Amino acid sequence: MPRFLTIVTHNESKQTAEGPDPESQRRMGELYEEISRAGVVLDMGELTRTSEATRLTWTGGELSRTDGPFTESKEVIGGYTVVQARDRAEAVEWARRFGEIQGRHEDLTAEVRQISED
């Protein structure tokens, strides 16, 4: 079965310190249990803020290093999920269900991409 990576991006400057409300946390926990029981999820994680990140960039063969936060970045990757699904439609449906809950407390974008098996 093919594997898919869902990349969740959001605007860090618009995030609240409180995080999701208790109802959203409960619903997210139930959905996580469901996707785990279904044997679909291979890995899932939330990333630390860009203030704790380091960016390495190569330009013309020269390396530069920048420690976060990255003020020029409006949207950043905040989390990811790797699933093994029958097809893209199933992977998109799982991403939609998670986004439906998480999107209640912050604006976000979820991009679903198949992992190349070549």
PDB file of N, CA and C in Angstrom:
ATOM      1  N   MET A   1       0.848  -1.185   0.000  1.00  0.00           N
ATOM      2  CA  MET A   1       0.000   0.000   0.000  1.00  0.00           C
ATOM      3  C   MET A   1       0.891   1.245   0.000  1.00  0.00           C
ATOM      4  N   PRO A   2       0.457   2.262  -0.713  1.00  0.00           N
ATOM      5  CA  PRO A   2       1.263   3.491  -0.775  1.00  0.00           C
ATOM      6  C   PRO A   2       1.262   4.254   0.555  1.00  0.00           C
ATOM      7  N   ARG A   3       2.337   5.003   0.764  1.00  0.00           N
ATOM      8  CA  ARG A   3       2.460   5.855   1.939  1.00  0.00           C
ATOM      9  C   ARG A   3       2.267   7.309   1.515  1.00  0.00           C
ATOM     10  N   PHE A   4       1.699   8.102   2.408  1.00  0.00           N
ATOM     11  CA  PHE A   4       1.434   9.514   2.146  1.00  0.00           C
ATOM     12  C   PHE A   4       1.913  10.343   3.323  1.00  0.00           C
ATOM     13  N   LEU A   5       2.463  11.512   3.017  1.00  0.00           N
ATOM     14  CA  LEU A   5       2.889  12.465   4.025  1.00  0.00           C
ATOM     15  C   LEU A   5       1.929  13.646   3.992  1.00  0.00           C
ATOM     16  N   THR A   6       1.366  13.977   5.139  1.00  0.00           N
ATOM     17  CA  THR A   6       0.561  15.183   5.266  1.00  0.00           C
ATOM     18  C   THR A   6       1.394  16.202   6.021  1.00  0.00           C
ATOM     19  N   ILE A   7       1.594  17.359   5.403  1.00  0.00           N
ATOM     20  CA  ILE A   7       2.362  18.450   5.992  1.00  0.00           C
ATOM     21  C   ILE A   7       1.367  19.539   6.384  1.00  0.00           C
ATOM     22  N   VAL A   8       1.366  19.906   7.652  1.00  0.00           N
ATOM     23  CA  VAL A   8       0.439  20.925   8.144  1.00  0.00           C
ATOM     24  C   VAL A   8       1.212  22.224   8.341  1.00  0.00           C
ATOM     25  N   THR A   9       0.760  23.282   7.658  1.00  0.00           N
ATOM     26  CA  THR A   9       1.388  24.587   7.808  1.00  0.00           C
ATOM     27  C   THR A   9       0.411  25.550   8.469  1.00  0.00           C
ATOM     28  N   HIS A  10       0.977  26.504   9.207  1.00  0.00           N
ATOM     29  CA  HIS A  10       0.161  27.514   9.875  1.00  0.00           C
ATOM     30  C   HIS A  10       1.003  28.767  10.092  1.00  0.00           C
ATOM     31  N   ASN A  11       0.363  29.805  10.542  1.00  0.00           N
ATOM     32  CA  ASN A  11       1.039  31.071  10.820  1.00  0.00           C
ATOM     33  C   ASN A  11       1.332  31.122  12.317  1.00  0.00           C
ATOM     34  N   GLU A  12       2.609  30.979  12.683  1.00  0.00           N
ATOM     35  CA  GLU A  12       2.984  30.955  14.101  1.00  0.00           C
ATOM     36  C   GLU A  12       2.578  32.217  14.842  1.00  0.00           C
ATOM     37  N   SER A  13       2.650  33.355  14.163  1.00  0.00           N
ATOM     38  CA  SER A  13       2.350  34.611  14.847  1.00  0.00           C
ATOM     39  C   SER A  13       0.876  34.725  15.230  1.00  0.00           C
ATOM     40  N   LYS A  14       0.015  33.916  14.646  1.00  0.00           N
ATOM     41  CA  LYS A  14      -1.409  33.961  14.968  1.00  0.00           C
ATOM     42  C   LYS A  14      -1.835  32.872  15.947  1.00  0.00           C
ATOM     43  N   GLN A  15      -0.891  32.030  16.377  1.00  0.00           N
ATOM     44  CA  GLN A  15      -1.237  30.973  17.320  1.00  0.00           C
ATOM     45  C   GLN A  15      -1.431  31.546  18.715  1.00  0.00           C
ATOM     46  N   THR A  16      -2.383  30.972  19.415  1.00  0.00           N
ATOM     47  CA  THR A  16      -2.609  31.390  20.792  1.00  0.00           C
ATOM     48  C   THR A  16      -1.814  30.496  21.732  1.00  0.00           C
ATOM     49  N   ALA A  17      -1.439  31.020  22.866  1.00  0.00           N
ATOM     50  CA  ALA A  17      -0.671  30.265  23.848  1.00  0.00           C
ATOM     51  C   ALA A  17      -1.504  29.156  24.489  1.00  0.00           C
ATOM     52  N   GLU A  18      -2.819  29.352  24.536  1.00  0.00           N
ATOM     53  CA  GLU A  18      -3.697  28.382  25.194  1.00  0.00           C
ATOM     54  C   GLU A  18      -3.806  27.070  24.438  1.00  0.00           C
ATOM     55  N   GLY A  19      -3.681  27.094  23.122  1.00  0.00           N
ATOM     56  CA  GLY A  19      -3.864  25.885  22.335  1.00  0.00           C
ATOM     57  C   GLY A  19      -5.328  25.547  22.181  1.00  0.00           C
ATOM     58  N   PRO A  20      -5.617  24.332  21.766  1.00  0.00           N
ATOM     59  CA  PRO A  20      -7.003  23.944  21.524  1.00  0.00           C
ATOM     60  C   PRO A  20      -7.813  23.839  22.816  1.00  0.00           C
ATOM     61  N   ASP A  21      -9.111  24.054  22.689  1.00  0.00           N
ATOM     62  CA  ASP A  21     -10.023  23.937  23.823  1.00  0.00           C
ATOM     63  C   ASP A  21     -10.175  22.456  24.211  1.00  0.00           C
ATOM     64  N   PRO A  22     -10.670  22.181  25.415  1.00  0.00           N
ATOM     65  CA  PRO A  22     -10.800  20.792  25.876  1.00  0.00           C
ATOM     66  C   PRO A  22     -11.627  19.905  24.939  1.00  0.00           C
ATOM     67  N   GLU A  23     -12.679  20.444  24.340  1.00  0.00           N
ATOM     68  CA  GLU A  23     -13.513  19.659  23.418  1.00  0.00           C
ATOM     69  C   GLU A  23     -12.701  19.250  22.191  1.00  0.00           C
ATOM     70  N   SER A  24     -11.923  20.169  21.638  1.00  0.00           N
ATOM     71  CA  SER A  24     -11.074  19.841  20.481  1.00  0.00           C
ATOM     72  C   SER A  24     -10.023  18.817  20.863  1.00  0.00           C
ATOM     73  N   GLN A  25      -9.445  18.941  22.051  1.00  0.00           N
ATOM     74  CA  GLN A  25      -8.452  17.968  22.515  1.00  0.00           C
ATOM     75  C   GLN A  25      -9.069  16.581  22.645  1.00  0.00           C
ATOM     76  N   ARG A  26     -10.281  16.525  23.173  1.00  0.00           N
ATOM     77  CA  ARG A  26     -10.979  15.238  23.302  1.00  0.00           C
ATOM     78  C   ARG A  26     -11.237  14.620  21.937  1.00  0.00           C
ATOM     79  N   ARG A  27     -11.764  15.428  21.013  1.00  0.00           N
ATOM     80  CA  ARG A  27     -12.066  14.937  19.667  1.00  0.00           C
ATOM     81  C   ARG A  27     -10.803  14.489  18.938  1.00  0.00           C
ATOM     82  N   MET A  28      -9.704  15.238  19.107  1.00  0.00           N
ATOM     83  CA  MET A  28      -8.443  14.866  18.476  1.00  0.00           C
ATOM     84  C   MET A  28      -7.932  13.543  19.052  1.00  0.00           C
ATOM     85  N   GLY A  29      -8.052  13.359  20.353  1.00  0.00           N
ATOM     86  CA  GLY A  29      -7.636  12.102  20.983  1.00  0.00           C
ATOM     87  C   GLY A  29      -8.434  10.916  20.459  1.00  0.00           C
ATOM     88  N   GLU A  30      -9.742  11.092  20.311  1.00  0.00           N
ATOM     89  CA  GLU A  30     -10.587  10.020  19.772  1.00  0.00           C
ATOM     90  C   GLU A  30     -10.208   9.678  18.342  1.00  0.00           C
ATOM     91  N   LEU A  31      -9.947  10.708  17.527  1.00  0.00           N
ATOM     92  CA  LEU A  31      -9.577  10.464  16.139  1.00  0.00           C
ATOM     93  C   LEU A  31      -8.207   9.793  16.058  1.00  0.00           C
ATOM     94  N   TYR A  32      -7.277  10.194  16.926  1.00  0.00           N
ATOM     95  CA  TYR A  32      -5.962   9.548  16.957  1.00  0.00           C
ATOM     96  C   TYR A  32      -6.106   8.066  17.312  1.00  0.00           C
ATOM     97  N   GLU A  33      -6.957   7.743  18.284  1.00  0.00           N
ATOM     98  CA  GLU A  33      -7.201   6.336  18.637  1.00  0.00           C
ATOM     99  C   GLU A  33      -7.779   5.577  17.447  1.00  0.00           C
ATOM    100  N   GLU A  34      -8.720   6.201  16.744  1.00  0.00           N
ATOM    101  CA  GLU A  34      -9.349   5.555  15.589  1.00  0.00           C
ATOM    102  C   GLU A  34      -8.338   5.262  14.487  1.00  0.00           C
ATOM    103  N   ILE A  35      -7.507   6.249  14.151  1.00  0.00           N
ATOM    104  CA  ILE A  35      -6.534   6.052  13.074  1.00  0.00           C
ATOM    105  C   ILE A  35      -5.461   5.038  13.490  1.00  0.00           C
ATOM    106  N   SER A  36      -5.157   4.979  14.786  1.00  0.00           N
ATOM    107  CA  SER A  36      -4.198   3.993  15.289  1.00  0.00           C
ATOM    108  C   SER A  36      -4.776   2.588  15.206  1.00  0.00           C
ATOM    109  N   ARG A  37      -6.035   2.426  15.640  1.00  0.00           N
ATOM    110  CA  ARG A  37      -6.707   1.110  15.568  1.00  0.00           C
ATOM    111  C   ARG A  37      -6.827   0.638  14.121  1.00  0.00           C
ATOM    112  N   ALA A  38      -7.035   1.572  13.194  1.00  0.00           N
ATOM    113  CA  ALA A  38      -7.170   1.223  11.781  1.00  0.00           C
ATOM    114  C   ALA A  38      -5.833   0.787  11.177  1.00  0.00           C
ATOM    115  N   GLY A  39      -4.738   1.019  11.903  1.00  0.00           N
ATOM    116  CA  GLY A  39      -3.419   0.620  11.414  1.00  0.00           C
ATOM    117  C   GLY A  39      -2.914   1.474  10.269  1.00  0.00           C
ATOM    118  N   VAL A  40      -3.440   2.672  10.137  1.00  0.00           N
ATOM    119  CA  VAL A  40      -3.118   3.552   9.021  1.00  0.00           C
ATOM    120  C   VAL A  40      -1.914   4.435   9.328  1.00  0.00           C
ATOM    121  N   VAL A  41      -1.854   4.966  10.554  1.00  0.00           N
ATOM    122  CA  VAL A  41      -0.812   5.932  10.894  1.00  0.00           C
ATOM    123  C   VAL A  41       0.521   5.211  11.124  1.00  0.00           C
ATOM    124  N   LEU A  42       1.576   5.707  10.478  1.00  0.00           N
ATOM    125  CA  LEU A  42       2.923   5.182  10.663  1.00  0.00           C
ATOM    126  C   LEU A  42       3.742   6.086  11.579  1.00  0.00           C
ATOM    127  N   ASP A  43       3.505   7.379  11.496  1.00  0.00           N
ATOM    128  CA  ASP A  43       4.208   8.349  12.334  1.00  0.00           C
ATOM    129  C   ASP A  43       3.413   9.647  12.319  1.00  0.00           C
ATOM    130  N   MET A  44       3.518  10.383  13.420  1.00  0.00           N
ATOM    131  CA  MET A  44       2.786  11.644  13.535  1.00  0.00           C
ATOM    132  C   MET A  44       3.540  12.510  14.530  1.00  0.00           C
ATOM    133  N   GLY A  45       3.614  13.807  14.270  1.00  0.00           N
ATOM    134  CA  GLY A  45       4.291  14.661  15.222  1.00  0.00           C
ATOM    135  C   GLY A  45       3.986  16.127  15.043  1.00  0.00           C
ATOM    136  N   GLU A  46       4.118  16.840  16.139  1.00  0.00           N
ATOM    137  CA  GLU A  46       4.000  18.292  16.133  1.00  0.00           C
ATOM    138  C   GLU A  46       5.413  18.837  16.275  1.00  0.00           C
ATOM    139  N   LEU A  47       5.748  19.874  15.528  1.00  0.00           N
ATOM    140  CA  LEU A  47       7.087  20.432  15.553  1.00  0.00           C
ATOM    141  C   LEU A  47       7.179  21.602  16.519  1.00  0.00           C
ATOM    142  N   THR A  48       8.379  21.827  17.056  1.00  0.00           N
ATOM    143  CA  THR A  48       8.603  22.980  17.923  1.00  0.00           C
ATOM    144  C   THR A  48       8.529  24.248  17.081  1.00  0.00           C
ATOM    145  N   ARG A  49       8.414  25.369  17.748  1.00  0.00           N
ATOM    146  CA  ARG A  49       8.322  26.664  17.062  1.00  0.00           C
ATOM    147  C   ARG A  49       9.632  26.968  16.336  1.00  0.00           C
ATOM    148  N   THR A  50       9.564  27.828  15.331  1.00  0.00           N
ATOM    149  CA  THR A  50      10.759  28.176  14.563  1.00  0.00           C
ATOM    150  C   THR A  50      11.787  28.919  15.397  1.00  0.00           C
ATOM    151  N   SER A  51      11.407  29.469  16.531  1.00  0.00           N
ATOM    152  CA  SER A  51      12.382  30.124  17.407  1.00  0.00           C
ATOM    153  C   SER A  51      13.409  29.125  17.923  1.00  0.00           C
ATOM    154  N   GLU A  52      13.092  27.828  17.849  1.00  0.00           N
ATOM    155  CA  GLU A  52      13.997  26.775  18.300  1.00  0.00           C
ATOM    156  C   GLU A  52      14.649  26.036  17.133  1.00  0.00           C
ATOM    157  N   ALA A  53      14.519  26.563  15.920  1.00  0.00           N
ATOM    158  CA  ALA A  53      15.008  25.871  14.728  1.00  0.00           C
ATOM    159  C   ALA A  53      16.288  26.505  14.186  1.00  0.00           C
ATOM    160  N   THR A  54      16.976  25.756  13.350  1.00  0.00           N
ATOM    161  CA  THR A  54      18.136  26.249  12.613  1.00  0.00           C
ATOM    162  C   THR A  54      17.925  25.906  11.148  1.00  0.00           C
ATOM    163  N   ARG A  55      18.153  26.872  10.282  1.00  0.00           N
ATOM    164  CA  ARG A  55      17.990  26.689   8.840  1.00  0.00           C
ATOM    165  C   ARG A  55      19.375  26.711   8.192  1.00  0.00           C
ATOM    166  N   LEU A  56      19.681  25.667   7.417  1.00  0.00           N
ATOM    167  CA  LEU A  56      20.916  25.596   6.638  1.00  0.00           C
ATOM    168  C   LEU A  56      20.563  25.845   5.182  1.00  0.00           C
ATOM    169  N   THR A  57      21.294  26.747   4.526  1.00  0.00           N
ATOM    170  CA  THR A  57      21.023  27.106   3.140  1.00  0.00           C
ATOM    171  C   THR A  57      22.326  27.034   2.342  1.00  0.00           C
ATOM    172  N   TRP A  58      22.269  26.395   1.190  1.00  0.00           N
ATOM    173  CA  TRP A  58      23.412  26.364   0.288  1.00  0.00           C
ATOM    174  C   TRP A  58      23.097  27.219  -0.922  1.00  0.00           C
ATOM    175  N   THR A  59      23.939  28.184  -1.198  1.00  0.00           N
ATOM    176  CA  THR A  59      23.793  29.059  -2.357  1.00  0.00           C
ATOM    177  C   THR A  59      25.146  29.101  -3.063  1.00  0.00           C
ATOM    178  N   GLY A  60      25.152  28.682  -4.319  1.00  0.00           N
ATOM    179  CA  GLY A  60      26.417  28.663  -5.055  1.00  0.00           C
ATOM    180  C   GLY A  60      27.467  27.802  -4.387  1.00  0.00           C
ATOM    181  N   GLY A  61      27.032  26.736  -3.721  1.00  0.00           N
ATOM    182  CA  GLY A  61      27.955  25.839  -3.051  1.00  0.00           C
ATOM    183  C   GLY A  61      28.405  26.310  -1.680  1.00  0.00           C
ATOM    184  N   GLU A  62      27.970  27.490  -1.259  1.00  0.00           N
ATOM    185  CA  GLU A  62      28.354  28.046   0.042  1.00  0.00           C
ATOM    186  C   GLU A  62      27.227  27.844   1.054  1.00  0.00           C
ATOM    187  N   LEU A  63      27.615  27.425   2.244  1.00  0.00           N
ATOM    188  CA  LEU A  63      26.657  27.162   3.316  1.00  0.00           C
ATOM    189  C   LEU A  63      26.476  28.394   4.192  1.00  0.00           C
ATOM    190  N   SER A  64      25.224  28.701   4.501  1.00  0.00           N
ATOM    191  CA  SER A  64      24.936  29.713   5.523  1.00  0.00           C
ATOM    192  C   SER A  64      23.984  29.083   6.535  1.00  0.00           C
ATOM    193  N   ARG A  65      24.068  29.557   7.755  1.00  0.00           N
ATOM    194  CA  ARG A  65      23.257  29.029   8.851  1.00  0.00           C
ATOM    195  C   ARG A  65      22.493  30.187   9.478  1.00  0.00           C
ATOM    196  N   THR A  66      21.183  29.975   9.693  1.00  0.00           N
ATOM    197  CA  THR A  66      20.348  30.985  10.330  1.00  0.00           C
ATOM    198  C   THR A  66      19.578  30.314  11.455  1.00  0.00           C
ATOM    199  N   ASP A  67      19.693  30.873  12.659  1.00  0.00           N
ATOM    200  CA  ASP A  67      18.907  30.367  13.777  1.00  0.00           C
ATOM    201  C   ASP A  67      17.579  31.110  13.808  1.00  0.00           C
ATOM    202  N   GLY A  68      16.502  30.393  14.168  1.00  0.00           N
ATOM    203  CA  GLY A  68      15.175  30.980  14.194  1.00  0.00           C
ATOM    204  C   GLY A  68      15.011  31.968  15.321  1.00  0.00           C
ATOM    205  N   PRO A  69      13.917  32.698  15.324  1.00  0.00           N
ATOM    206  CA  PRO A  69      12.791  32.568  14.392  1.00  0.00           C
ATOM    207  C   PRO A  69      13.107  33.190  13.036  1.00  0.00           C
ATOM    208  N   PHE A  70      12.392  32.752  12.038  1.00  0.00           N
ATOM    209  CA  PHE A  70      12.594  33.213  10.674  1.00  0.00           C
ATOM    210  C   PHE A  70      11.516  34.239  10.344  1.00  0.00           C
ATOM    211  N   THR A  71      11.813  35.485  10.545  1.00  0.00           N
ATOM    212  CA  THR A  71      10.812  36.549  10.432  1.00  0.00           C
ATOM    213  C   THR A  71      10.240  36.667   9.025  1.00  0.00           C
ATOM    214  N   GLU A  72      10.996  36.242   8.015  1.00  0.00           N
ATOM    215  CA  GLU A  72      10.495  36.360   6.646  1.00  0.00           C
ATOM    216  C   GLU A  72       9.472  35.271   6.308  1.00  0.00           C
ATOM    217  N   SER A  73       9.361  34.250   7.140  1.00  0.00           N
ATOM    218  CA  SER A  73       8.428  33.149   6.896  1.00  0.00           C
ATOM    219  C   SER A  73       7.073  33.478   7.499  1.00  0.00           C
ATOM    220  N   LYS A  74       6.054  33.479   6.655  1.00  0.00           N
ATOM    221  CA  LYS A  74       4.701  33.727   7.148  1.00  0.00           C
ATOM    222  C   LYS A  74       4.051  32.419   7.592  1.00  0.00           C
ATOM    223  N   GLU A  75       4.106  31.399   6.756  1.00  0.00           N
ATOM    224  CA  GLU A  75       3.557  30.100   7.113  1.00  0.00           C
ATOM    225  C   GLU A  75       4.701  29.120   7.290  1.00  0.00           C
ATOM    226  N   VAL A  76       4.623  28.317   8.338  1.00  0.00           N
ATOM    227  CA  VAL A  76       5.675  27.354   8.639  1.00  0.00           C
ATOM    228  C   VAL A  76       5.057  25.977   8.857  1.00  0.00           C
ATOM    229  N   ILE A  77       5.883  24.949   8.723  1.00  0.00           N
ATOM    230  CA  ILE A  77       5.422  23.593   8.976  1.00  0.00           C
ATOM    231  C   ILE A  77       5.301  23.418  10.477  1.00  0.00           C
ATOM    232  N   GLY A  78       4.119  23.030  10.924  1.00  0.00           N
ATOM    233  CA  GLY A  78       3.858  22.865  12.350  1.00  0.00           C
ATOM    234  C   GLY A  78       3.724  21.418  12.775  1.00  0.00           C
ATOM    235  N   GLY A  79       3.488  20.542  11.807  1.00  0.00           N
ATOM    236  CA  GLY A  79       3.334  19.130  12.139  1.00  0.00           C
ATOM    237  C   GLY A  79       3.241  18.289  10.879  1.00  0.00           C
ATOM    238  N   TYR A  80       3.230  16.987  11.088  1.00  0.00           N
ATOM    239  CA  TYR A  80       3.193  16.064   9.952  1.00  0.00           C
ATOM    240  C   TYR A  80       2.539  14.759  10.379  1.00  0.00           C
ATOM    241  N   THR A  81       2.069  14.022   9.401  1.00  0.00           N
ATOM    242  CA  THR A  81       1.551  12.675   9.610  1.00  0.00           C
ATOM    243  C   THR A  81       1.973  11.825   8.423  1.00  0.00           C
ATOM    244  N   VAL A  82       2.438  10.606   8.695  1.00  0.00           N
ATOM    245  CA  VAL A  82       2.727   9.638   7.646  1.00  0.00           C
ATOM    246  C   VAL A  82       1.710   8.520   7.797  1.00  0.00           C
ATOM    247  N   VAL A  83       0.953   8.272   6.744  1.00  0.00           N
ATOM    248  CA  VAL A  83      -0.043   7.200   6.767  1.00  0.00           C
ATOM    249  C   VAL A  83       0.212   6.240   5.617  1.00  0.00           C
ATOM    250  N   GLN A  84      -0.255   5.012   5.810  1.00  0.00           N
ATOM    251  CA  GLN A  84      -0.251   4.027   4.733  1.00  0.00           C
ATOM    252  C   GLN A  84      -1.719   3.792   4.409  1.00  0.00           C
ATOM    253  N   ALA A  85      -2.111   4.198   3.202  1.00  0.00           N
ATOM    254  CA  ALA A  85      -3.526   4.171   2.830  1.00  0.00           C
ATOM    255  C   ALA A  85      -3.715   3.430   1.509  1.00  0.00           C
ATOM    256  N   ARG A  86      -4.952   3.041   1.258  1.00  0.00           N
ATOM    257  CA  ARG A  86      -5.256   2.353   0.004  1.00  0.00           C
ATOM    258  C   ARG A  86      -4.943   3.236  -1.198  1.00  0.00           C
ATOM    259  N   ASP A  87      -5.266   4.530  -1.047  1.00  0.00           N
ATOM    260  CA  ASP A  87      -5.083   5.454  -2.162  1.00  0.00           C
ATOM    261  C   ASP A  87      -5.065   6.889  -1.637  1.00  0.00           C
ATOM    262  N   ARG A  88      -4.859   7.840  -2.537  1.00  0.00           N
ATOM    263  CA  ARG A  88      -4.800   9.255  -2.167  1.00  0.00           C
ATOM    264  C   ARG A  88      -6.114   9.709  -1.519  1.00  0.00           C
ATOM    265  N   ALA A  89      -7.236   9.220  -2.010  1.00  0.00           N
ATOM    266  CA  ALA A  89      -8.533   9.635  -1.465  1.00  0.00           C
ATOM    267  C   ALA A  89      -8.640   9.292   0.019  1.00  0.00           C
ATOM    268  N   GLU A  90      -8.180   8.113   0.417  1.00  0.00           N
ATOM    269  CA  GLU A  90      -8.234   7.743   1.833  1.00  0.00           C
ATOM    270  C   GLU A  90      -7.303   8.627   2.659  1.00  0.00           C
ATOM    271  N   ALA A  91      -6.097   8.890   2.148  1.00  0.00           N
ATOM    272  CA  ALA A  91      -5.141   9.747   2.859  1.00  0.00           C
ATOM    273  C   ALA A  91      -5.700  11.162   3.019  1.00  0.00           C
ATOM    274  N   VAL A  92      -6.336  11.674   1.975  1.00  0.00           N
ATOM    275  CA  VAL A  92      -6.935  13.008   2.035  1.00  0.00           C
ATOM    276  C   VAL A  92      -8.082  13.038   3.047  1.00  0.00           C
ATOM    277  N   GLU A  93      -8.849  11.973   3.116  1.00  0.00           N
ATOM    278  CA  GLU A  93      -9.961  11.919   4.067  1.00  0.00           C
ATOM    279  C   GLU A  93      -9.462  11.971   5.510  1.00  0.00           C
ATOM    280  N   TRP A  94      -8.383  11.242   5.837  1.00  0.00           N
ATOM    281  CA  TRP A  94      -7.823  11.322   7.186  1.00  0.00           C
ATOM    282  C   TRP A  94      -7.337  12.736   7.469  1.00  0.00           C
ATOM    283  N   ALA A  95      -6.654  13.356   6.518  1.00  0.00           N
ATOM    284  CA  ALA A  95      -6.160  14.731   6.704  1.00  0.00           C
ATOM    285  C   ALA A  95      -7.330  15.692   6.904  1.00  0.00           C
ATOM    286  N   ARG A  96      -8.399  15.504   6.152  1.00  0.00           N
ATOM    287  CA  ARG A  96      -9.584  16.362   6.283  1.00  0.00           C
ATOM    288  C   ARG A  96     -10.170  16.251   7.685  1.00  0.00           C
ATOM    289  N   ARG A  97     -10.262  15.035   8.189  1.00  0.00           N
ATOM    290  CA  ARG A  97     -10.863  14.828   9.506  1.00  0.00           C
ATOM    291  C   ARG A  97     -10.024  15.473  10.609  1.00  0.00           C
ATOM    292  N   PHE A  98      -8.709  15.345  10.528  1.00  0.00           N
ATOM    293  CA  PHE A  98      -7.849  16.007  11.512  1.00  0.00           C
ATOM    294  C   PHE A  98      -7.952  17.520  11.375  1.00  0.00           C
ATOM    295  N   GLY A  99      -7.900  18.028  10.156  1.00  0.00           N
ATOM    296  CA  GLY A  99      -7.976  19.467   9.921  1.00  0.00           C
ATOM    297  C   GLY A  99      -9.292  20.065  10.372  1.00  0.00           C
ATOM    298  N   GLU A 100     -10.353  19.293  10.251  1.00  0.00           N
ATOM    299  CA  GLU A 100     -11.669  19.762  10.679  1.00  0.00           C
ATOM    300  C   GLU A 100     -11.677  20.070  12.183  1.00  0.00           C
ATOM    301  N   ILE A 101     -10.945  19.287  12.953  1.00  0.00           N
ATOM    302  CA  ILE A 101     -10.864  19.525  14.399  1.00  0.00           C
ATOM    303  C   ILE A 101      -9.850  20.625  14.694  1.00  0.00           C
ATOM    304  N   GLN A 102      -8.642  20.480  14.165  1.00  0.00           N
ATOM    305  CA  GLN A 102      -7.573  21.442  14.455  1.00  0.00           C
ATOM    306  C   GLN A 102      -7.893  22.825  13.901  1.00  0.00           C
ATOM    307  N   GLY A 103      -8.583  22.887  12.791  1.00  0.00           N
ATOM    308  CA  GLY A 103      -8.936  24.155  12.166  1.00  0.00           C
ATOM    309  C   GLY A 103      -9.971  24.956  12.939  1.00  0.00           C
ATOM    310  N   ARG A 104     -10.516  24.390  14.013  1.00  0.00           N
ATOM    311  CA  ARG A 104     -11.465  25.126  14.861  1.00  0.00           C
ATOM    312  C   ARG A 104     -10.773  26.202  15.675  1.00  0.00           C
ATOM    313  N   HIS A 105      -9.459  26.014  15.966  1.00  0.00           N
ATOM    314  CA  HIS A 105      -8.775  26.980  16.830  1.00  0.00           C
ATOM    315  C   HIS A 105      -7.623  27.700  16.139  1.00  0.00           C
ATOM    316  N   GLU A 106      -7.299  27.340  14.895  1.00  0.00           N
ATOM    317  CA  GLU A 106      -6.270  28.069  14.153  1.00  0.00           C
ATOM    318  C   GLU A 106      -6.450  27.845  12.661  1.00  0.00           C
ATOM    319  N   ASP A 107      -6.005  28.824  11.860  1.00  0.00           N
ATOM    320  CA  ASP A 107      -6.014  28.662  10.415  1.00  0.00           C
ATOM    321  C   ASP A 107      -4.845  27.767  10.044  1.00  0.00           C
ATOM    322  N   LEU A 108      -5.067  26.832   9.152  1.00  0.00           N
ATOM    323  CA  LEU A 108      -3.997  25.935   8.748  1.00  0.00           C
ATOM    324  C   LEU A 108      -4.223  25.431   7.336  1.00  0.00           C
ATOM    325  N   THR A 109      -3.173  24.859   6.782  1.00  0.00           N
ATOM    326  CA  THR A 109      -3.236  24.209   5.479  1.00  0.00           C
ATOM    327  C   THR A 109      -2.627  22.828   5.638  1.00  0.00           C
ATOM    328  N   ALA A 110      -3.268  21.816   5.093  1.00  0.00           N
ATOM    329  CA  ALA A 110      -2.731  20.457   5.111  1.00  0.00           C
ATOM    330  C   ALA A 110      -2.478  20.030   3.672  1.00  0.00           C
ATOM    331  N   GLU A 111      -1.237  19.694   3.384  1.00  0.00           N
ATOM    332  CA  GLU A 111      -0.846  19.240   2.046  1.00  0.00           C
ATOM    333  C   GLU A 111      -0.576  17.745   2.113  1.00  0.00           C
ATOM    334  N   VAL A 112      -1.248  16.954   1.274  1.00  0.00           N
ATOM    335  CA  VAL A 112      -1.096  15.501   1.261  1.00  0.00           C
ATOM    336  C   VAL A 112      -0.297  15.131   0.004  1.00  0.00           C
ATOM    337  N   ARG A 113       0.838  14.444   0.230  1.00  0.00           N
ATOM    338  CA  ARG A 113       1.697  14.036  -0.886  1.00  0.00           C
ATOM    339  C   ARG A 113       2.079  12.579  -0.742  1.00  0.00           C
ATOM    340  N   GLN A 114       2.045  11.851  -1.860  1.00  0.00           N
ATOM    341  CA  GLN A 114       2.458  10.463  -1.827  1.00  0.00           C
ATOM    342  C   GLN A 114       3.974  10.384  -1.721  1.00  0.00           C
ATOM    343  N   ILE A 115       4.465   9.448  -0.926  1.00  0.00           N
ATOM    344  CA  ILE A 115       5.895   9.233  -0.781  1.00  0.00           C
ATOM    345  C   ILE A 115       6.357   8.346  -1.918  1.00  0.00           C
ATOM    346  N   SER A 116       7.347   8.789  -2.654  1.00  0.00           N
ATOM    347  CA  SER A 116       7.868   8.040  -3.794  1.00  0.00           C
ATOM    348  C   SER A 116       8.495   6.737  -3.327  1.00  0.00           C
ATOM    349  N   GLU A 117       8.162   5.681  -3.974  1.00  0.00           N
ATOM    350  CA  GLU A 117       8.695   4.359  -3.612  1.00  0.00           C
ATOM    351  C   GLU A 117       9.800   3.933  -4.572  1.00  0.00           C
ATOM    352  N   ASP A 118      10.287   4.844  -5.396  1.00  0.00           N
ATOM    353  CA  ASP A 118      11.335   4.502  -6.376  1.00  0.00           C
ATOM    354  C   ASP A 118      12.654   4.214  -5.726  1.00  0.00           C
TER     355      ASP A 118
END
